[in-house]
Amino acid sequence: LDKVDISTLPSAKEQEAYLRPQIYEGELKK
């Protein structure tokens, strides 16, 4: 769901990953 939300932002088209918001990793890492 967070991935879908971020994909709607203009920054989602940036080539470098660090130029767009990162999806929260806490639950997956847990």
PDB file of all heavy atoms in Angstrom:
ATOM      1  N   LEU A   1       0.816  -1.199   0.000  1.00  0.00           N
ATOM      2  CA  LEU A   1       0.000   0.000   0.000  1.00  0.00           C
ATOM      3  C   LEU A   1       0.858   1.262   0.000  1.00  0.00           C
ATOM      4  O   LEU A   1       0.570   2.220  -0.715  1.00  0.00           O
ATOM      5  CB  LEU A   1      -0.938  -0.001   1.210  1.00  0.00           C
ATOM      6  CG  LEU A   1      -2.115  -0.985   1.117  1.00  0.00           C
ATOM      7  CD1 LEU A   1      -2.817  -1.092   2.462  1.00  0.00           C
ATOM      8  CD2 LEU A   1      -3.095  -0.562   0.047  1.00  0.00           C
ATOM      9  N   ASP A   2       1.904   1.257   0.805  1.00  0.00           N
ATOM     10  CA  ASP A   2       2.825   2.402   0.807  1.00  0.00           C
ATOM     11  C   ASP A   2       3.502   2.548  -0.556  1.00  0.00           C
ATOM     12  O   ASP A   2       3.721   3.652  -1.045  1.00  0.00           O
ATOM     13  CB  ASP A   2       3.884   2.227   1.891  1.00  0.00           C
ATOM     14  CG  ASP A   2       3.362   2.586   3.275  1.00  0.00           C
ATOM     15  OD1 ASP A   2       2.202   3.031   3.374  1.00  0.00           O
ATOM     16  OD2 ASP A   2       4.110   2.425   4.265  1.00  0.00           O
ATOM     17  N   LYS A   3       3.810   1.428  -1.166  1.00  0.00           N
ATOM     18  CA  LYS A   3       4.457   1.429  -2.485  1.00  0.00           C
ATOM     19  C   LYS A   3       3.541   2.080  -3.530  1.00  0.00           C
ATOM     20  O   LYS A   3       4.003   2.878  -4.371  1.00  0.00           O
ATOM     21  CB  LYS A   3       4.791  -0.007  -2.895  1.00  0.00           C
ATOM     22  CG  LYS A   3       5.485  -0.160  -4.233  1.00  0.00           C
ATOM     23  CD  LYS A   3       5.792  -1.631  -4.487  1.00  0.00           C
ATOM     24  CE  LYS A   3       6.380  -1.862  -5.861  1.00  0.00           C
ATOM     25  NZ  LYS A   3       6.656  -3.310  -6.106  1.00  0.00           N
ATOM     26  N   VAL A   4       2.263   1.748  -3.477  1.00  0.00           N
ATOM     27  CA  VAL A   4       1.311   2.347  -4.409  1.00  0.00           C
ATOM     28  C   VAL A   4       1.222   3.851  -4.175  1.00  0.00           C
ATOM     29  O   VAL A   4       1.213   4.645  -5.125  1.00  0.00           O
ATOM     30  CB  VAL A   4      -0.082   1.690  -4.256  1.00  0.00           C
ATOM     31  CG1 VAL A   4      -1.139   2.492  -5.007  1.00  0.00           C
ATOM     32  CG2 VAL A   4      -0.049   0.261  -4.773  1.00  0.00           C
ATOM     33  N   ASP A   5       1.174   4.258  -2.920  1.00  0.00           N
ATOM     34  CA  ASP A   5       1.095   5.691  -2.612  1.00  0.00           C
ATOM     35  C   ASP A   5       2.311   6.439  -3.149  1.00  0.00           C
ATOM     36  O   ASP A   5       2.189   7.503  -3.761  1.00  0.00           O
ATOM     37  CB  ASP A   5       0.994   5.905  -1.100  1.00  0.00           C
ATOM     38  CG  ASP A   5      -0.432   5.754  -0.592  1.00  0.00           C
ATOM     39  OD1 ASP A   5      -1.350   5.801  -1.433  1.00  0.00           O
ATOM     40  OD2 ASP A   5      -0.621   5.585   0.618  1.00  0.00           O
ATOM     41  N   ILE A   6       3.486   5.895  -2.907  1.00  0.00           N
ATOM     42  CA  ILE A   6       4.719   6.558  -3.343  1.00  0.00           C
ATOM     43  C   ILE A   6       4.804   6.609  -4.861  1.00  0.00           C
ATOM     44  O   ILE A   6       5.336   7.563  -5.440  1.00  0.00           O
ATOM     45  CB  ILE A   6       5.939   5.846  -2.729  1.00  0.00           C
ATOM     46  CG1 ILE A   6       6.003   6.154  -1.223  1.00  0.00           C
ATOM     47  CG2 ILE A   6       7.239   6.269  -3.410  1.00  0.00           C
ATOM     48  CD1 ILE A   6       7.103   5.429  -0.487  1.00  0.00           C
ATOM     49  N   SER A   7       4.259   5.608  -5.528  1.00  0.00           N
ATOM     50  CA  SER A   7       4.325   5.566  -6.990  1.00  0.00           C
ATOM     51  C   SER A   7       3.536   6.696  -7.646  1.00  0.00           C
ATOM     52  O   SER A   7       3.732   6.988  -8.828  1.00  0.00           O
ATOM     53  CB  SER A   7       3.806   4.216  -7.506  1.00  0.00           C
ATOM     54  OG  SER A   7       2.395   4.120  -7.359  1.00  0.00           O
ATOM     55  N   THR A   8       2.660   7.338  -6.900  1.00  0.00           N
ATOM     56  CA  THR A   8       1.862   8.438  -7.454  1.00  0.00           C
ATOM     57  C   THR A   8       2.582   9.785  -7.352  1.00  0.00           C
ATOM     58  O   THR A   8       2.108  10.776  -7.900  1.00  0.00           O
ATOM     59  CB  THR A   8       0.507   8.547  -6.727  1.00  0.00           C
ATOM     60  OG1 THR A   8       0.729   8.893  -5.352  1.00  0.00           O
ATOM     61  CG2 THR A   8      -0.245   7.230  -6.787  1.00  0.00           C
ATOM     62  N   LEU A   9       3.706   9.820  -6.651  1.00  0.00           N
ATOM     63  CA  LEU A   9       4.446  11.073  -6.479  1.00  0.00           C
ATOM     64  C   LEU A   9       5.334  11.350  -7.687  1.00  0.00           C
ATOM     65  O   LEU A   9       5.840  10.408  -8.318  1.00  0.00           O
ATOM     66  CB  LEU A   9       5.318  10.997  -5.217  1.00  0.00           C
ATOM     67  CG  LEU A   9       4.592  10.725  -3.900  1.00  0.00           C
ATOM     68  CD1 LEU A   9       5.603  10.575  -2.768  1.00  0.00           C
ATOM     69  CD2 LEU A   9       3.601  11.833  -3.600  1.00  0.00           C
ATOM     70  N   PRO A  10       5.547  12.612  -8.035  1.00  0.00           N
ATOM     71  CA  PRO A  10       6.448  12.945  -9.150  1.00  0.00           C
ATOM     72  C   PRO A  10       7.841  12.357  -8.974  1.00  0.00           C
ATOM     73  O   PRO A  10       8.475  11.936  -9.941  1.00  0.00           O
ATOM     74  CB  PRO A  10       6.481  14.480  -9.123  1.00  0.00           C
ATOM     75  CG  PRO A  10       5.187  14.871  -8.496  1.00  0.00           C
ATOM     76  CD  PRO A  10       4.923  13.827  -7.458  1.00  0.00           C
ATOM     77  N   SER A  11       8.307  12.289  -7.730  1.00  0.00           N
ATOM     78  CA  SER A  11       9.655  11.776  -7.461  1.00  0.00           C
ATOM     79  C   SER A  11       9.784  10.281  -7.742  1.00  0.00           C
ATOM     80  O   SER A  11      10.890   9.753  -7.806  1.00  0.00           O
ATOM     81  CB  SER A  11      10.049  12.053  -6.010  1.00  0.00           C
ATOM     82  OG  SER A  11       9.117  11.447  -5.115  1.00  0.00           O
ATOM     83  N   ALA A  12       8.641   9.593  -7.915  1.00  0.00           N
ATOM     84  CA  ALA A  12       8.686   8.153  -8.177  1.00  0.00           C
ATOM     85  C   ALA A  12       9.383   7.844  -9.491  1.00  0.00           C
ATOM     86  O   ALA A  12       9.861   6.725  -9.708  1.00  0.00           O
ATOM     87  CB  ALA A  12       7.274   7.576  -8.195  1.00  0.00           C
ATOM     88  N   LYS A  13       9.462   8.837 -10.388  1.00  0.00           N
ATOM     89  CA  LYS A  13      10.093   8.635 -11.691  1.00  0.00           C
ATOM     90  C   LYS A  13      11.591   8.940 -11.676  1.00  0.00           C
ATOM     91  O   LYS A  13      12.266   8.813 -12.701  1.00  0.00           O
ATOM     92  CB  LYS A  13       9.413   9.506 -12.745  1.00  0.00           C
ATOM     93  CG  LYS A  13       7.927   9.185 -12.944  1.00  0.00           C
ATOM     94  CD  LYS A  13       7.724   7.766 -13.437  1.00  0.00           C
ATOM     95  CE  LYS A  13       6.266   7.466 -13.709  1.00  0.00           C
ATOM     96  NZ  LYS A  13       6.063   6.065 -14.172  1.00  0.00           N
ATOM     97  N   GLU A  14      12.099   9.343 -10.517  1.00  0.00           N
ATOM     98  CA  GLU A  14      13.527   9.629 -10.435  1.00  0.00           C
ATOM     99  C   GLU A  14      14.336   8.345 -10.645  1.00  0.00           C
ATOM    100  O   GLU A  14      13.955   7.277 -10.176  1.00  0.00           O
ATOM    101  CB  GLU A  14      13.877  10.230  -9.067  1.00  0.00           C
ATOM    102  CG  GLU A  14      13.283  11.603  -8.813  1.00  0.00           C
ATOM    103  CD  GLU A  14      13.948  12.682  -9.660  1.00  0.00           C
ATOM    104  OE1 GLU A  14      15.004  12.404 -10.258  1.00  0.00           O
ATOM    105  OE2 GLU A  14      13.398  13.801  -9.717  1.00  0.00           O
ATOM    106  N   GLN A  15      15.446   8.480 -11.329  1.00  0.00           N
ATOM    107  CA  GLN A  15      16.256   7.305 -11.611  1.00  0.00           C
ATOM    108  C   GLN A  15      16.882   6.742 -10.340  1.00  0.00           C
ATOM    109  O   GLN A  15      16.864   5.529 -10.104  1.00  0.00           O
ATOM    110  CB  GLN A  15      17.356   7.654 -12.624  1.00  0.00           C
ATOM    111  CG  GLN A  15      18.112   6.430 -13.145  1.00  0.00           C
ATOM    112  CD  GLN A  15      19.138   6.818 -14.189  1.00  0.00           C
ATOM    113  OE1 GLN A  15      19.925   7.724 -13.980  1.00  0.00           O
ATOM    114  NE2 GLN A  15      19.128   6.133 -15.318  1.00  0.00           N
ATOM    115  N   GLU A  16      17.410   7.602  -9.493  1.00  0.00           N
ATOM    116  CA  GLU A  16      18.081   7.163  -8.279  1.00  0.00           C
ATOM    117  C   GLU A  16      17.067   6.945  -7.154  1.00  0.00           C
ATOM    118  O   GLU A  16      16.202   7.781  -6.901  1.00  0.00           O
ATOM    119  CB  GLU A  16      19.116   8.204  -7.835  1.00  0.00           C
ATOM    120  CG  GLU A  16      20.191   8.498  -8.872  1.00  0.00           C
ATOM    121  CD  GLU A  16      21.122   7.315  -9.101  1.00  0.00           C
ATOM    122  OE1 GLU A  16      21.069   6.346  -8.314  1.00  0.00           O
ATOM    123  OE2 GLU A  16      21.898   7.350 -10.069  1.00  0.00           O
ATOM    124  N   ALA A  17      17.208   5.817  -6.446  1.00  0.00           N
ATOM    125  CA  ALA A  17      16.266   5.482  -5.382  1.00  0.00           C
ATOM    126  C   ALA A  17      16.276   6.503  -4.253  1.00  0.00           C
ATOM    127  O   ALA A  17      15.238   6.780  -3.642  1.00  0.00           O
ATOM    128  CB  ALA A  17      16.593   4.096  -4.833  1.00  0.00           C
ATOM    129  N   TYR A  18      17.444   7.095  -3.971  1.00  0.00           N
ATOM    130  CA  TYR A  18      17.536   8.019  -2.842  1.00  0.00           C
ATOM    131  C   TYR A  18      16.817   9.344  -3.105  1.00  0.00           C
ATOM    132  O   TYR A  18      16.631  10.150  -2.186  1.00  0.00           O
ATOM    133  CB  TYR A  18      18.995   8.273  -2.472  1.00  0.00           C
ATOM    134  CG  TYR A  18      19.807   9.041  -3.494  1.00  0.00           C
ATOM    135  CD1 TYR A  18      19.766  10.437  -3.547  1.00  0.00           C
ATOM    136  CD2 TYR A  18      20.611   8.369  -4.404  1.00  0.00           C
ATOM    137  CE1 TYR A  18      20.509  11.132  -4.494  1.00  0.00           C
ATOM    138  CE2 TYR A  18      21.348   9.056  -5.352  1.00  0.00           C
ATOM    139  CZ  TYR A  18      21.296  10.448  -5.384  1.00  0.00           C
ATOM    140  OH  TYR A  18      22.034  11.131  -6.330  1.00  0.00           O
ATOM    141  N   LEU A  19      16.403   9.578  -4.332  1.00  0.00           N
ATOM    142  CA  LEU A  19      15.714  10.824  -4.669  1.00  0.00           C
ATOM    143  C   LEU A  19      14.203  10.737  -4.470  1.00  0.00           C
ATOM    144  O   LEU A  19      13.491  11.700  -4.706  1.00  0.00           O
ATOM    145  CB  LEU A  19      16.024  11.210  -6.116  1.00  0.00           C
ATOM    146  CG  LEU A  19      17.481  11.583  -6.402  1.00  0.00           C
ATOM    147  CD1 LEU A  19      17.672  11.844  -7.895  1.00  0.00           C
ATOM    148  CD2 LEU A  19      17.897  12.801  -5.584  1.00  0.00           C
ATOM    149  N   ARG A  20      13.702   9.591  -4.052  1.00  0.00           N
ATOM    150  CA  ARG A  20      12.277   9.453  -3.785  1.00  0.00           C
ATOM    151  C   ARG A  20      12.088   8.965  -2.342  1.00  0.00           C
ATOM    152  O   ARG A  20      13.011   8.419  -1.733  1.00  0.00           O
ATOM    153  CB  ARG A  20      11.638   8.459  -4.759  1.00  0.00           C
ATOM    154  CG  ARG A  20      12.105   7.014  -4.604  1.00  0.00           C
ATOM    155  CD  ARG A  20      11.361   6.086  -5.555  1.00  0.00           C
ATOM    156  NE  ARG A  20      11.697   4.693  -5.327  1.00  0.00           N
ATOM    157  CZ  ARG A  20      12.691   4.055  -5.950  1.00  0.00           C
ATOM    158  NH1 ARG A  20      13.428   4.697  -6.849  1.00  0.00           N
ATOM    159  NH2 ARG A  20      12.935   2.783  -5.690  1.00  0.00           N
ATOM    160  N   PRO A  21      10.886   9.156  -1.776  1.00  0.00           N
ATOM    161  CA  PRO A  21      10.634   8.678  -0.410  1.00  0.00           C
ATOM    162  C   PRO A  21      10.823   7.173  -0.328  1.00  0.00           C
ATOM    163  O   PRO A  21      10.448   6.433  -1.244  1.00  0.00           O
ATOM    164  CB  PRO A  21       9.166   9.063  -0.171  1.00  0.00           C
ATOM    165  CG  PRO A  21       8.898  10.165  -1.123  1.00  0.00           C
ATOM    166  CD  PRO A  21       9.719   9.867  -2.337  1.00  0.00           C
ATOM    167  N   GLN A  22      11.407   6.732   0.742  1.00  0.00           N
ATOM    168  CA  GLN A  22      11.611   5.304   0.946  1.00  0.00           C
ATOM    169  C   GLN A  22      10.388   4.690   1.616  1.00  0.00           C
ATOM    170  O   GLN A  22       9.763   5.297   2.489  1.00  0.00           O
ATOM    171  CB  GLN A  22      12.850   5.070   1.808  1.00  0.00           C
ATOM    172  CG  GLN A  22      14.160   5.449   1.114  1.00  0.00           C
ATOM    173  CD  GLN A  22      14.535   4.443   0.029  1.00  0.00           C
ATOM    174  OE1 GLN A  22      15.024   3.368   0.315  1.00  0.00           O
ATOM    175  NE2 GLN A  22      14.304   4.807  -1.221  1.00  0.00           N
ATOM    176  N   ILE A  23      10.054   3.489   1.216  1.00  0.00           N
ATOM    177  CA  ILE A  23       8.965   2.760   1.845  1.00  0.00           C
ATOM    178  C   ILE A  23       9.449   2.303   3.224  1.00  0.00           C
ATOM    179  O   ILE A  23      10.583   1.860   3.377  1.00  0.00           O
ATOM    180  CB  ILE A  23       8.557   1.541   0.994  1.00  0.00           C
ATOM    181  CG1 ILE A  23       8.299   1.960  -0.463  1.00  0.00           C
ATOM    182  CG2 ILE A  23       7.324   0.869   1.575  1.00  0.00           C
ATOM    183  CD1 ILE A  23       8.101   0.788  -1.407  1.00  0.00           C
ATOM    184  N   TYR A  24       8.593   2.418   4.216  1.00  0.00           N
ATOM    185  CA  TYR A  24       8.952   2.045   5.578  1.00  0.00           C
ATOM    186  C   TYR A  24       9.305   0.560   5.647  1.00  0.00           C
ATOM    187  O   TYR A  24       8.539  -0.300   5.233  1.00  0.00           O
ATOM    188  CB  TYR A  24       7.795   2.348   6.530  1.00  0.00           C
ATOM    189  CG  TYR A  24       8.013   1.859   7.936  1.00  0.00           C
ATOM    190  CD1 TYR A  24       9.102   2.285   8.682  1.00  0.00           C
ATOM    191  CD2 TYR A  24       7.122   0.962   8.518  1.00  0.00           C
ATOM    192  CE1 TYR A  24       9.308   1.837   9.976  1.00  0.00           C
ATOM    193  CE2 TYR A  24       7.313   0.510   9.812  1.00  0.00           C
ATOM    194  CZ  TYR A  24       8.406   0.949  10.534  1.00  0.00           C
ATOM    195  OH  TYR A  24       8.609   0.496  11.815  1.00  0.00           O
ATOM    196  N   GLU A  25      10.483   0.247   6.189  1.00  0.00           N
ATOM    197  CA  GLU A  25      11.009  -1.118   6.194  1.00  0.00           C
ATOM    198  C   GLU A  25      10.845  -1.844   7.522  1.00  0.00           C
ATOM    199  O   GLU A  25      11.124  -3.036   7.616  1.00  0.00           O
ATOM    200  CB  GLU A  25      12.500  -1.098   5.827  1.00  0.00           C
ATOM    201  CG  GLU A  25      12.784  -0.535   4.437  1.00  0.00           C
ATOM    202  CD  GLU A  25      14.273  -0.571   4.100  1.00  0.00           C
ATOM    203  OE1 GLU A  25      15.090  -0.706   5.037  1.00  0.00           O
ATOM    204  OE2 GLU A  25      14.605  -0.473   2.903  1.00  0.00           O
ATOM    205  N   GLY A  26      10.392  -1.140   8.557  1.00  0.00           N
ATOM    206  CA  GLY A  26      10.385  -1.698   9.905  1.00  0.00           C
ATOM    207  C   GLY A  26       9.693  -3.032  10.067  1.00  0.00           C
ATOM    208  O   GLY A  26      10.243  -3.962  10.673  1.00  0.00           O
ATOM    209  N   GLU A  27       8.486  -3.161   9.522  1.00  0.00           N
ATOM    210  CA  GLU A  27       7.737  -4.403   9.730  1.00  0.00           C
ATOM    211  C   GLU A  27       8.369  -5.577   8.991  1.00  0.00           C
ATOM    212  O   GLU A  27       8.420  -6.696   9.501  1.00  0.00           O
ATOM    213  CB  GLU A  27       6.282  -4.213   9.310  1.00  0.00           C
ATOM    214  CG  GLU A  27       5.491  -3.336  10.269  1.00  0.00           C
ATOM    215  CD  GLU A  27       3.997  -3.396  10.020  1.00  0.00           C
ATOM    216  OE1 GLU A  27       3.504  -4.402   9.469  1.00  0.00           O
ATOM    217  OE2 GLU A  27       3.303  -2.423  10.380  1.00  0.00           O
ATOM    218  N   LEU A  28       8.842  -5.345   7.778  1.00  0.00           N
ATOM    219  CA  LEU A  28       9.480  -6.432   7.024  1.00  0.00           C
ATOM    220  C   LEU A  28      10.781  -6.869   7.692  1.00  0.00           C
ATOM    221  O   LEU A  28      11.090  -8.066   7.771  1.00  0.00           O
ATOM    222  CB  LEU A  28       9.747  -5.990   5.589  1.00  0.00           C
ATOM    223  CG  LEU A  28       8.512  -5.872   4.691  1.00  0.00           C
ATOM    224  CD1 LEU A  28       8.894  -5.256   3.351  1.00  0.00           C
ATOM    225  CD2 LEU A  28       7.858  -7.232   4.473  1.00  0.00           C
ATOM    226  N   LYS A  29      11.551  -5.914   8.176  1.00  0.00           N
ATOM    227  CA  LYS A  29      12.808  -6.258   8.856  1.00  0.00           C
ATOM    228  C   LYS A  29      12.535  -7.025  10.143  1.00  0.00           C
ATOM    229  O   LYS A  29      13.315  -7.908  10.537  1.00  0.00           O
ATOM    230  CB  LYS A  29      13.622  -4.999   9.121  1.00  0.00           C
ATOM    231  CG  LYS A  29      14.260  -4.416   7.868  1.00  0.00           C
ATOM    232  CD  LYS A  29      15.172  -3.250   8.182  1.00  0.00           C
ATOM    233  CE  LYS A  29      15.929  -2.793   6.938  1.00  0.00           C
ATOM    234  NZ  LYS A  29      16.827  -1.643   7.212  1.00  0.00           N
ATOM    235  N   LYS A  30      11.418  -6.704  10.796  1.00  0.00           N
ATOM    236  CA  LYS A  30      11.055  -7.434  12.008  1.00  0.00           C
ATOM    237  C   LYS A  30      10.721  -8.883  11.682  1.00  0.00           C
ATOM    238  O   LYS A  30      11.058  -9.799  12.441  1.00  0.00           O
ATOM    239  CB  LYS A  30       9.858  -6.756  12.686  1.00  0.00           C
ATOM    240  CG  LYS A  30       9.488  -7.397  14.014  1.00  0.00           C
ATOM    241  CD  LYS A  30       8.354  -6.647  14.692  1.00  0.00           C
ATOM    242  CE  LYS A  30       7.992  -7.293  16.030  1.00  0.00           C
ATOM    243  NZ  LYS A  30       6.875  -6.582  16.704  1.00  0.00           N
TER     244      LYS A  30
END
